[in-house]
PDB file of N, CA and C in Angstrom:
ATOM      1  N   MET A   1     102.242 116.377 110.663  1.00  0.00           N
ATOM      2  CA  MET A   1     102.619 115.658 109.470  1.00  0.00           C
ATOM      3  C   MET A   1     101.391 115.509 108.572  1.00  0.00           C
ATOM      4  N   SER A   2     101.522 115.902 107.330  1.00  0.00           N
ATOM      5  CA  SER A   2     100.394 115.734 106.413  1.00  0.00           C
ATOM      6  C   SER A   2     100.689 114.576 105.461  1.00  0.00           C
ATOM      7  N   ILE A   3      99.635 113.897 105.074  1.00  0.00           N
ATOM      8  CA  ILE A   3      99.757 112.757 104.173  1.00  0.00           C
ATOM      9  C   ILE A   3      99.216 113.177 102.814  1.00  0.00           C
ATOM     10  N   LEU A   4      99.981 112.906 101.772  1.00  0.00           N
ATOM     11  CA  LEU A   4      99.570 113.241 100.420  1.00  0.00           C
ATOM     12  C   LEU A   4      98.446 112.303  99.980  1.00  0.00           C
ATOM     13  N   PRO A   5      97.278 112.842  99.595  1.00  0.00           N
ATOM     14  CA  PRO A   5      96.177 111.984  99.148  1.00  0.00           C
ATOM     15  C   PRO A   5      96.598 111.134  97.943  1.00  0.00           C
ATOM     16  N   PHE A   6      96.040 109.931  97.846  1.00  0.00           N
ATOM     17  CA  PHE A   6      96.412 109.031  96.762  1.00  0.00           C
ATOM     18  C   PHE A   6      96.178 109.638  95.386  1.00  0.00           C
ATOM     19  N   ASP A   7      95.155 110.467  95.222  1.00  0.00           N
ATOM     20  CA  ASP A   7      94.871 111.025  93.902  1.00  0.00           C
ATOM     21  C   ASP A   7      95.757 112.210  93.544  1.00  0.00           C
ATOM     22  N   GLN A   8      96.621 112.637  94.434  1.00  0.00           N
ATOM     23  CA  GLN A   8      97.481 113.788  94.175  1.00  0.00           C
ATOM     24  C   GLN A   8      98.956 113.407  94.034  1.00  0.00           C
ATOM     25  N   ARG A   9      99.230 112.165  93.740  1.00  0.00           N
ATOM     26  CA  ARG A   9     100.611 111.705  93.615  1.00  0.00           C
ATOM     27  C   ARG A   9     101.089 111.781  92.172  1.00  0.00           C
ATOM     28  N   GLU A  10     102.380 111.718  92.006  1.00  0.00           N
ATOM     29  CA  GLU A  10     102.987 111.693  90.676  1.00  0.00           C
ATOM     30  C   GLU A  10     103.159 110.239  90.253  1.00  0.00           C
ATOM     31  N   GLY A  11     103.262 110.016  88.962  1.00  0.00           N
ATOM     32  CA  GLY A  11     103.509 108.676  88.453  1.00  0.00           C
ATOM     33  C   GLY A  11     102.576 108.332  87.311  1.00  0.00           C
ATOM     34  N   SER A  12     102.636 107.082  86.903  1.00  0.00           N
ATOM     35  CA  SER A  12     101.841 106.595  85.777  1.00  0.00           C
ATOM     36  C   SER A  12     100.996 105.404  86.205  1.00  0.00           C
ATOM     37  N   ILE A  13      99.834 105.281  85.571  1.00  0.00           N
ATOM     38  CA  ILE A  13      98.904 104.183  85.820  1.00  0.00           C
ATOM     39  C   ILE A  13      98.422 103.664  84.469  1.00  0.00           C
ATOM     40  N   TRP A  14      98.261 102.347  84.362  1.00  0.00           N
ATOM     41  CA  TRP A  14      97.661 101.751  83.168  1.00  0.00           C
ATOM     42  C   TRP A  14      96.168 101.683  83.422  1.00  0.00           C
ATOM     43  N   PHE A  15      95.390 102.405  82.617  1.00  0.00           N
ATOM     44  CA  PHE A  15      93.955 102.544  82.848  1.00  0.00           C
ATOM     45  C   PHE A  15      93.218 102.386  81.527  1.00  0.00           C
ATOM     46  N   ASP A  16      92.336 101.415  81.444  1.00  0.00           N
ATOM     47  CA  ASP A  16      91.571 101.147  80.219  1.00  0.00           C
ATOM     48  C   ASP A  16      92.472 100.995  78.993  1.00  0.00           C
ATOM     49  N   GLY A  17      93.594 100.315  79.172  1.00  0.00           N
ATOM     50  CA  GLY A  17      94.475 100.011  78.050  1.00  0.00           C
ATOM     51  C   GLY A  17      95.458 101.087  77.669  1.00  0.00           C
ATOM     52  N   GLU A  18      95.531 102.156  78.442  1.00  0.00           N
ATOM     53  CA  GLU A  18      96.454 103.250  78.137  1.00  0.00           C
ATOM     54  C   GLU A  18      97.235 103.653  79.379  1.00  0.00           C
ATOM     55  N   ILE A  19      98.466 104.100  79.166  1.00  0.00           N
ATOM     56  CA  ILE A  19      99.245 104.671  80.257  1.00  0.00           C
ATOM     57  C   ILE A  19      98.789 106.119  80.417  1.00  0.00           C
ATOM     58  N   VAL A  20      98.355 106.472  81.617  1.00  0.00           N
ATOM     59  CA  VAL A  20      97.896 107.836  81.885  1.00  0.00           C
ATOM     60  C   VAL A  20      98.619 108.374  83.117  1.00  0.00           C
ATOM     61  N   PRO A  21      98.721 109.702  83.218  1.00  0.00           N
ATOM     62  CA  PRO A  21      99.282 110.268  84.445  1.00  0.00           C
ATOM     63  C   PRO A  21      98.417 109.878  85.644  1.00  0.00           C
ATOM     64  N   TRP A  22      99.054 109.608  86.745  1.00  0.00           N
ATOM     65  CA  TRP A  22      98.384 109.169  87.980  1.00  0.00           C
ATOM     66  C   TRP A  22      97.148 110.021  88.278  1.00  0.00           C
ATOM     67  N   LYS A  23      97.311 111.342  88.204  1.00  0.00           N
ATOM     68  CA  LYS A  23      96.237 112.269  88.586  1.00  0.00           C
ATOM     69  C   LYS A  23      95.044 112.239  87.627  1.00  0.00           C
ATOM     70  N   GLU A  24      95.218 111.646  86.442  1.00  0.00           N
ATOM     71  CA  GLU A  24      94.130 111.603  85.458  1.00  0.00           C
ATOM     72  C   GLU A  24      93.363 110.283  85.466  1.00  0.00           C
ATOM     73  N   ALA A  25      93.766 109.330  86.273  1.00  0.00           N
ATOM     74  CA  ALA A  25      93.074 108.033  86.341  1.00  0.00           C
ATOM     75  C   ALA A  25      91.841 108.198  87.227  1.00  0.00           C
ATOM     76  N   LYS A  26      90.685 108.289  86.606  1.00  0.00           N
ATOM     77  CA  LYS A  26      89.430 108.543  87.332  1.00  0.00           C
ATOM     78  C   LYS A  26      88.409 107.450  87.047  1.00  0.00           C
ATOM     79  N   VAL A  27      87.633 107.100  88.056  1.00  0.00           N
ATOM     80  CA  VAL A  27      86.555 106.122  87.943  1.00  0.00           C
ATOM     81  C   VAL A  27      85.254 106.832  88.313  1.00  0.00           C
ATOM     82  N   HIS A  28      84.213 106.621  87.519  1.00  0.00           N
ATOM     83  CA  HIS A  28      82.931 107.280  87.772  1.00  0.00           C
ATOM     84  C   HIS A  28      82.334 106.812  89.096  1.00  0.00           C
ATOM     85  N   VAL A  29      81.676 107.704  89.786  1.00  0.00           N
ATOM     86  CA  VAL A  29      81.088 107.411  91.091  1.00  0.00           C
ATOM     87  C   VAL A  29      80.012 106.320  91.024  1.00  0.00           C
ATOM     88  N   LEU A  30      79.404 106.109  89.869  1.00  0.00           N
ATOM     89  CA  LEU A  30      78.366 105.082  89.732  1.00  0.00           C
ATOM     90  C   LEU A  30      78.902 103.767  89.159  1.00  0.00           C
ATOM     91  N   THR A  31      80.200 103.569  89.203  1.00  0.00           N
ATOM     92  CA  THR A  31      80.796 102.326  88.721  1.00  0.00           C
ATOM     93  C   THR A  31      80.235 101.130  89.494  1.00  0.00           C
ATOM     94  N   HIS A  32      79.835 100.089  88.758  1.00  0.00           N
ATOM     95  CA  HIS A  32      79.229  98.889  89.346  1.00  0.00           C
ATOM     96  C   HIS A  32      80.110  98.289  90.438  1.00  0.00           C
ATOM     97  N   GLY A  33      81.398  98.205  90.189  1.00  0.00           N
ATOM     98  CA  GLY A  33      82.317  97.624  91.168  1.00  0.00           C
ATOM     99  C   GLY A  33      82.343  98.379  92.482  1.00  0.00           C
ATOM    100  N   LEU A  34      82.146  99.676  92.436  1.00  0.00           N
ATOM    101  CA  LEU A  34      82.120 100.495  93.647  1.00  0.00           C
ATOM    102  C   LEU A  34      80.852 100.234  94.460  1.00  0.00           C
ATOM    103  N   HIS A  35      79.726 100.157  93.779  1.00  0.00           N
ATOM    104  CA  HIS A  35      78.444 100.014  94.471  1.00  0.00           C
ATOM    105  C   HIS A  35      78.116  98.586  94.902  1.00  0.00           C
ATOM    106  N   TYR A  36      78.569  97.613  94.124  1.00  0.00           N
ATOM    107  CA  TYR A  36      78.161  96.233  94.382  1.00  0.00           C
ATOM    108  C   TYR A  36      79.323  95.287  94.677  1.00  0.00           C
ATOM    109  N   GLY A  37      80.512  95.814  94.757  1.00  0.00           N
ATOM    110  CA  GLY A  37      81.663  94.975  95.077  1.00  0.00           C
ATOM    111  C   GLY A  37      82.033  93.997  93.978  1.00  0.00           C
ATOM    112  N   SER A  38      81.612  94.283  92.755  1.00  0.00           N
ATOM    113  CA  SER A  38      81.898  93.368  91.643  1.00  0.00           C
ATOM    114  C   SER A  38      83.248  93.699  91.016  1.00  0.00           C
ATOM    115  N   SER A  39      84.267  93.670  91.840  1.00  0.00           N
ATOM    116  CA  SER A  39      85.617  93.930  91.352  1.00  0.00           C
ATOM    117  C   SER A  39      86.554  92.846  91.871  1.00  0.00           C
ATOM    118  N   ILE A  40      87.675  92.727  91.200  1.00  0.00           N
ATOM    119  CA  ILE A  40      88.705  91.768  91.594  1.00  0.00           C
ATOM    120  C   ILE A  40      90.036  92.500  91.606  1.00  0.00           C
ATOM    121  N   PHE A  41      90.996  91.953  92.318  1.00  0.00           N
ATOM    122  CA  PHE A  41      92.308  92.600  92.363  1.00  0.00           C
ATOM    123  C   PHE A  41      93.382  91.591  92.710  1.00  0.00           C
ATOM    124  N   GLU A  42      94.601  91.987  92.461  1.00  0.00           N
ATOM    125  CA  GLU A  42      95.789  91.252  92.881  1.00  0.00           C
ATOM    126  C   GLU A  42      96.686  92.237  93.618  1.00  0.00           C
ATOM    127  N   GLY A  43      97.517  91.733  94.482  1.00  0.00           N
ATOM    128  CA  GLY A  43      98.531  92.529  95.167  1.00  0.00           C
ATOM    129  C   GLY A  43      99.881  91.944  94.815  1.00  0.00           C
ATOM    130  N   GLU A  44     100.696  92.704  94.103  1.00  0.00           N
ATOM    131  CA  GLU A  44     101.952  92.179  93.571  1.00  0.00           C
ATOM    132  C   GLU A  44     103.126  93.043  94.017  1.00  0.00           C
ATOM    133  N   ARG A  45     104.256  92.404  94.232  1.00  0.00           N
ATOM    134  CA  ARG A  45     105.465  93.126  94.619  1.00  0.00           C
ATOM    135  C   ARG A  45     106.463  93.086  93.474  1.00  0.00           C
ATOM    136  N   ALA A  46     107.079  94.226  93.237  1.00  0.00           N
ATOM    137  CA  ALA A  46     108.199  94.304  92.299  1.00  0.00           C
ATOM    138  C   ALA A  46     109.460  94.516  93.125  1.00  0.00           C
ATOM    139  N   TYR A  47     110.474  93.745  92.814  1.00  0.00           N
ATOM    140  CA  TYR A  47     111.776  93.873  93.470  1.00  0.00           C
ATOM    141  C   TYR A  47     112.801  94.187  92.395  1.00  0.00           C
ATOM    142  N   ALA A  48     113.556  95.259  92.599  1.00  0.00           N
ATOM    143  CA  ALA A  48     114.565  95.689  91.625  1.00  0.00           C
ATOM    144  C   ALA A  48     113.953  95.809  90.227  1.00  0.00           C
ATOM    145  N   GLY A  49     112.709  96.298  90.163  1.00  0.00           N
ATOM    146  CA  GLY A  49     112.050  96.558  88.895  1.00  0.00           C
ATOM    147  C   GLY A  49     111.384  95.365  88.232  1.00  0.00           C
ATOM    148  N   THR A  50     111.391  94.201  88.881  1.00  0.00           N
ATOM    149  CA  THR A  50     110.776  93.001  88.310  1.00  0.00           C
ATOM    150  C   THR A  50     109.656  92.514  89.224  1.00  0.00           C
ATOM    151  N   ILE A  51     108.470  92.319  88.649  1.00  0.00           N
ATOM    152  CA  ILE A  51     107.323  91.861  89.436  1.00  0.00           C
ATOM    153  C   ILE A  51     107.472  90.366  89.732  1.00  0.00           C
ATOM    154  N   PHE A  52     107.389  90.026  90.994  1.00  0.00           N
ATOM    155  CA  PHE A  52     107.506  88.642  91.435  1.00  0.00           C
ATOM    156  C   PHE A  52     106.279  87.845  90.997  1.00  0.00           C
ATOM    157  N   LYS A  53     106.516  86.792  90.219  1.00  0.00           N
ATOM    158  CA  LYS A  53     105.456  85.897  89.735  1.00  0.00           C
ATOM    159  C   LYS A  53     104.334  86.650  89.014  1.00  0.00           C
ATOM    160  N   SER A  54     104.724  87.594  88.162  1.00  0.00           N
ATOM    161  CA  SER A  54     103.750  88.417  87.442  1.00  0.00           C
ATOM    162  C   SER A  54     102.755  87.572  86.648  1.00  0.00           C
ATOM    163  N   ARG A  55     103.265  86.600  85.909  1.00  0.00           N
ATOM    164  CA  ARG A  55     102.377  85.780  85.072  1.00  0.00           C
ATOM    165  C   ARG A  55     101.327  85.058  85.914  1.00  0.00           C
ATOM    166  N   GLU A  56     101.745  84.488  87.042  1.00  0.00           N
ATOM    167  CA  GLU A  56     100.801  83.777  87.901  1.00  0.00           C
ATOM    168  C   GLU A  56      99.723  84.719  88.433  1.00  0.00           C
ATOM    169  N   HIS A  57     100.114  85.945  88.761  1.00  0.00           N
ATOM    170  CA  HIS A  57      99.138  86.933  89.226  1.00  0.00           C
ATOM    171  C   HIS A  57      98.142  87.268  88.112  1.00  0.00           C
ATOM    172  N   SER A  58      98.645  87.462  86.894  1.00  0.00           N
ATOM    173  CA  SER A  58      97.759  87.797  85.773  1.00  0.00           C
ATOM    174  C   SER A  58      96.819  86.644  85.453  1.00  0.00           C
ATOM    175  N   GLN A  59      97.323  85.422  85.523  1.00  0.00           N
ATOM    176  CA  GLN A  59      96.466  84.257  85.293  1.00  0.00           C
ATOM    177  C   GLN A  59      95.375  84.175  86.364  1.00  0.00           C
ATOM    178  N   ARG A  60      95.746  84.435  87.605  1.00  0.00           N
ATOM    179  CA  ARG A  60      94.766  84.385  88.697  1.00  0.00           C
ATOM    180  C   ARG A  60      93.730  85.500  88.544  1.00  0.00           C
ATOM    181  N   LEU A  61      94.151  86.674  88.067  1.00  0.00           N
ATOM    182  CA  LEU A  61      93.206  87.768  87.830  1.00  0.00           C
ATOM    183  C   LEU A  61      92.159  87.331  86.801  1.00  0.00           C
ATOM    184  N   HIS A  62      92.611  86.683  85.720  1.00  0.00           N
ATOM    185  CA  HIS A  62      91.681  86.171  84.711  1.00  0.00           C
ATOM    186  C   HIS A  62      90.740  85.132  85.307  1.00  0.00           C
ATOM    187  N   LYS A  63      91.272  84.241  86.114  1.00  0.00           N
ATOM    188  CA  LYS A  63      90.437  83.209  86.744  1.00  0.00           C
ATOM    189  C   LYS A  63      89.399  83.849  87.670  1.00  0.00           C
ATOM    190  N   SER A  64      89.810  84.849  88.434  1.00  0.00           N
ATOM    191  CA  SER A  64      88.887  85.544  89.339  1.00  0.00           C
ATOM    192  C   SER A  64      87.774  86.237  88.565  1.00  0.00           C
ATOM    193  N   ALA A  65      88.114  86.830  87.421  1.00  0.00           N
ATOM    194  CA  ALA A  65      87.088  87.472  86.589  1.00  0.00           C
ATOM    195  C   ALA A  65      86.059  86.442  86.142  1.00  0.00           C
ATOM    196  N   GLY A  66      86.514  85.267  85.744  1.00  0.00           N
ATOM    197  CA  GLY A  66      85.590  84.207  85.341  1.00  0.00           C
ATOM    198  C   GLY A  66      84.663  83.800  86.472  1.00  0.00           C
ATOM    199  N   ILE A  67      85.204  83.711  87.680  1.00  0.00           N
ATOM    200  CA  ILE A  67      84.385  83.371  88.845  1.00  0.00           C
ATOM    201  C   ILE A  67      83.316  84.440  89.076  1.00  0.00           C
ATOM    202  N   MET A  68      83.676  85.706  88.837  1.00  0.00           N
ATOM    203  CA  MET A  68      82.733  86.821  89.009  1.00  0.00           C
ATOM    204  C   MET A  68      81.860  87.036  87.769  1.00  0.00           C
ATOM    205  N   ASP A  69      82.013  86.160  86.761  1.00  0.00           N
ATOM    206  CA  ASP A  69      81.210  86.172  85.542  1.00  0.00           C
ATOM    207  C   ASP A  69      81.430  87.413  84.684  1.00  0.00           C
ATOM    208  N   PHE A  70      82.686  87.830  84.566  1.00  0.00           N
ATOM    209  CA  PHE A  70      83.020  88.834  83.563  1.00  0.00           C
ATOM    210  C   PHE A  70      84.372  88.512  82.959  1.00  0.00           C
ATOM    211  N   THR A  71      84.686  89.177  81.874  1.00  0.00           N
ATOM    212  CA  THR A  71      85.906  88.899  81.121  1.00  0.00           C
ATOM    213  C   THR A  71      86.813  90.118  81.136  1.00  0.00           C
ATOM    214  N   ILE A  72      88.087  89.883  81.342  1.00  0.00           N
ATOM    215  CA  ILE A  72      89.077  90.956  81.228  1.00  0.00           C
ATOM    216  C   ILE A  72      89.432  91.075  79.746  1.00  0.00           C
ATOM    217  N   PRO A  73      89.336  92.262  79.153  1.00  0.00           N
ATOM    218  CA  PRO A  73      89.551  92.401  77.710  1.00  0.00           C
ATOM    219  C   PRO A  73      91.017  92.432  77.283  1.00  0.00           C
ATOM    220  N   TYR A  74      91.917  92.007  78.148  1.00  0.00           N
ATOM    221  CA  TYR A  74      93.346  91.985  77.841  1.00  0.00           C
ATOM    222  C   TYR A  74      93.890  90.603  78.169  1.00  0.00           C
ATOM    223  N   SER A  75      94.800  90.122  77.343  1.00  0.00           N
ATOM    224  CA  SER A  75      95.396  88.807  77.572  1.00  0.00           C
ATOM    225  C   SER A  75      96.361  88.860  78.758  1.00  0.00           C
ATOM    226  N   VAL A  76      96.752  87.694  79.232  1.00  0.00           N
ATOM    227  CA  VAL A  76      97.748  87.611  80.302  1.00  0.00           C
ATOM    228  C   VAL A  76      99.031  88.319  79.856  1.00  0.00           C
ATOM    229  N   GLU A  77      99.422  88.115  78.608  1.00  0.00           N
ATOM    230  CA  GLU A  77     100.638  88.741  78.086  1.00  0.00           C
ATOM    231  C   GLU A  77     100.515  90.265  78.073  1.00  0.00           C
ATOM    232  N   GLN A  78      99.346  90.771  77.675  1.00  0.00           N
ATOM    233  CA  GLN A  78      99.136  92.224  77.666  1.00  0.00           C
ATOM    234  C   GLN A  78      99.176  92.791  79.085  1.00  0.00           C
ATOM    235  N   LEU A  79      98.578  92.091  80.032  1.00  0.00           N
ATOM    236  CA  LEU A  79      98.620  92.545  81.423  1.00  0.00           C
ATOM    237  C   LEU A  79     100.053  92.572  81.939  1.00  0.00           C
ATOM    238  N   ASP A  80     100.807  91.504  81.670  1.00  0.00           N
ATOM    239  CA  ASP A  80     102.195  91.449  82.128  1.00  0.00           C
ATOM    240  C   ASP A  80     103.019  92.593  81.537  1.00  0.00           C
ATOM    241  N   ALA A  81     102.832  92.859  80.245  1.00  0.00           N
ATOM    242  CA  ALA A  81     103.574  93.940  79.588  1.00  0.00           C
ATOM    243  C   ALA A  81     103.190  95.297  80.170  1.00  0.00           C
ATOM    244  N   ALA A  82     101.907  95.503  80.411  1.00  0.00           N
ATOM    245  CA  ALA A  82     101.446  96.782  80.972  1.00  0.00           C
ATOM    246  C   ALA A  82     101.998  96.991  82.374  1.00  0.00           C
ATOM    247  N   LYS A  83     101.962  95.951  83.196  1.00  0.00           N
ATOM    248  CA  LYS A  83     102.488  96.071  84.563  1.00  0.00           C
ATOM    249  C   LYS A  83     103.979  96.372  84.539  1.00  0.00           C
ATOM    250  N   ALA A  84     104.720  95.683  83.672  1.00  0.00           N
ATOM    251  CA  ALA A  84     106.165  95.919  83.578  1.00  0.00           C
ATOM    252  C   ALA A  84     106.453  97.355  83.145  1.00  0.00           C
ATOM    253  N   LYS A  85     105.665  97.868  82.202  1.00  0.00           N
ATOM    254  CA  LYS A  85     105.855  99.242  81.721  1.00  0.00           C
ATOM    255  C   LYS A  85     105.571 100.252  82.832  1.00  0.00           C
ATOM    256  N   VAL A  86     104.517 100.027  83.592  1.00  0.00           N
ATOM    257  CA  VAL A  86     104.176 100.939  84.689  1.00  0.00           C
ATOM    258  C   VAL A  86     105.278 100.941  85.748  1.00  0.00           C
ATOM    259  N   VAL A  87     105.799  99.769  86.072  1.00  0.00           N
ATOM    260  CA  VAL A  87     106.899  99.702  87.046  1.00  0.00           C
ATOM    261  C   VAL A  87     108.096 100.493  86.522  1.00  0.00           C
ATOM    262  N   GLU A  88     108.407 100.312  85.245  1.00  0.00           N
ATOM    263  CA  GLU A  88     109.524 101.048  84.639  1.00  0.00           C
ATOM    264  C   GLU A  88     109.281 102.560  84.689  1.00  0.00           C
ATOM    265  N   LEU A  89     108.090 103.001  84.266  1.00  0.00           N
ATOM    266  CA  LEU A  89     107.780 104.435  84.237  1.00  0.00           C
ATOM    267  C   LEU A  89     107.779 105.063  85.629  1.00  0.00           C
ATOM    268  N   ASN A  90     107.504 104.260  86.637  1.00  0.00           N
ATOM    269  CA  ASN A  90     107.485 104.765  88.010  1.00  0.00           C
ATOM    270  C   ASN A  90     108.818 104.561  88.723  1.00  0.00           C
ATOM    271  N   GLY A  91     109.874 104.383  87.947  1.00  0.00           N
ATOM    272  CA  GLY A  91     111.222 104.400  88.505  1.00  0.00           C
ATOM    273  C   GLY A  91     111.851 103.061  88.817  1.00  0.00           C
ATOM    274  N   GLY A  92     111.190 101.957  88.450  1.00  0.00           N
ATOM    275  CA  GLY A  92     111.770 100.641  88.737  1.00  0.00           C
ATOM    276  C   GLY A  92     111.894 100.423  90.228  1.00  0.00           C
ATOM    277  N   GLY A  93     112.881  99.683  90.632  1.00  0.00           N
ATOM    278  CA  GLY A  93     113.103  99.450  92.058  1.00  0.00           C
ATOM    279  C   GLY A  93     112.014  98.604  92.685  1.00  0.00           C
ATOM    280  N   ASP A  94     111.852  98.749  93.993  1.00  0.00           N
ATOM    281  CA  ASP A  94     110.850  97.992  94.748  1.00  0.00           C
ATOM    282  C   ASP A  94     109.528  98.760  94.738  1.00  0.00           C
ATOM    283  N   GLN A  95     108.469  98.081  94.334  1.00  0.00           N
ATOM    284  CA  GLN A  95     107.156  98.718  94.234  1.00  0.00           C
ATOM    285  C   GLN A  95     106.063  97.723  94.594  1.00  0.00           C
ATOM    286  N   TYR A  96     104.884  98.258  94.837  1.00  0.00           N
ATOM    287  CA  TYR A  96     103.681  97.453  95.031  1.00  0.00           C
ATOM    288  C   TYR A  96     102.771  97.726  93.840  1.00  0.00           C
ATOM    289  N   VAL A  97     102.284  96.690  93.199  1.00  0.00           N
ATOM    290  CA  VAL A  97     101.426  96.812  92.021  1.00  0.00           C
ATOM    291  C   VAL A  97     100.053  96.243  92.377  1.00  0.00           C
ATOM    292  N   ARG A  98      98.985  96.962  92.019  1.00  0.00           N
ATOM    293  CA  ARG A  98      97.631  96.549  92.385  1.00  0.00           C
ATOM    294  C   ARG A  98      96.740  96.541  91.141  1.00  0.00           C
ATOM    295  N   PRO A  99      96.756  95.460  90.339  1.00  0.00           N
ATOM    296  CA  PRO A  99      95.802  95.372  89.232  1.00  0.00           C
ATOM    297  C   PRO A  99      94.379  95.212  89.779  1.00  0.00           C
ATOM    298  N   VAL A 100      93.457  95.982  89.224  1.00  0.00           N
ATOM    299  CA  VAL A 100      92.053  95.932  89.637  1.00  0.00           C
ATOM    300  C   VAL A 100      91.200  95.865  88.369  1.00  0.00           C
ATOM    301  N   ALA A 101      90.178  95.034  88.382  1.00  0.00           N
ATOM    302  CA  ALA A 101      89.237  94.957  87.263  1.00  0.00           C
ATOM    303  C   ALA A 101      87.826  94.904  87.832  1.00  0.00           C
ATOM    304  N   TRP A 102      86.875  95.445  87.087  1.00  0.00           N
ATOM    305  CA  TRP A 102      85.480  95.470  87.534  1.00  0.00           C
ATOM    306  C   TRP A 102      84.574  95.428  86.323  1.00  0.00           C
ATOM    307  N   ARG A 103      83.291  95.213  86.588  1.00  0.00           N
ATOM    308  CA  ARG A 103      82.297  95.171  85.509  1.00  0.00           C
ATOM    309  C   ARG A 103      82.153  96.523  84.864  1.00  0.00           C
TER     310      ARG A 103
END
């Protein structure tokens, strides 16, 4: 049994404020968050195409960024809209959503 690598999957990702094809979402190898752990994330579930407590997750992501002394350049509303769009573009239904932000 072979497992499809994460970077070779189909779908859409919201990356730097734009919807991009999954395979085109790339992060530079020298990214600060990769080398120093200066990143934050949320783990969210979508059921029947709706993210459970999306707003609370987005608010917590903003709070976590403040704790790590950086700012997310998108409002809670923009994050919620982007996550909803990605869930829709990836077929709705039950999904796992992983917002990640870094310096």
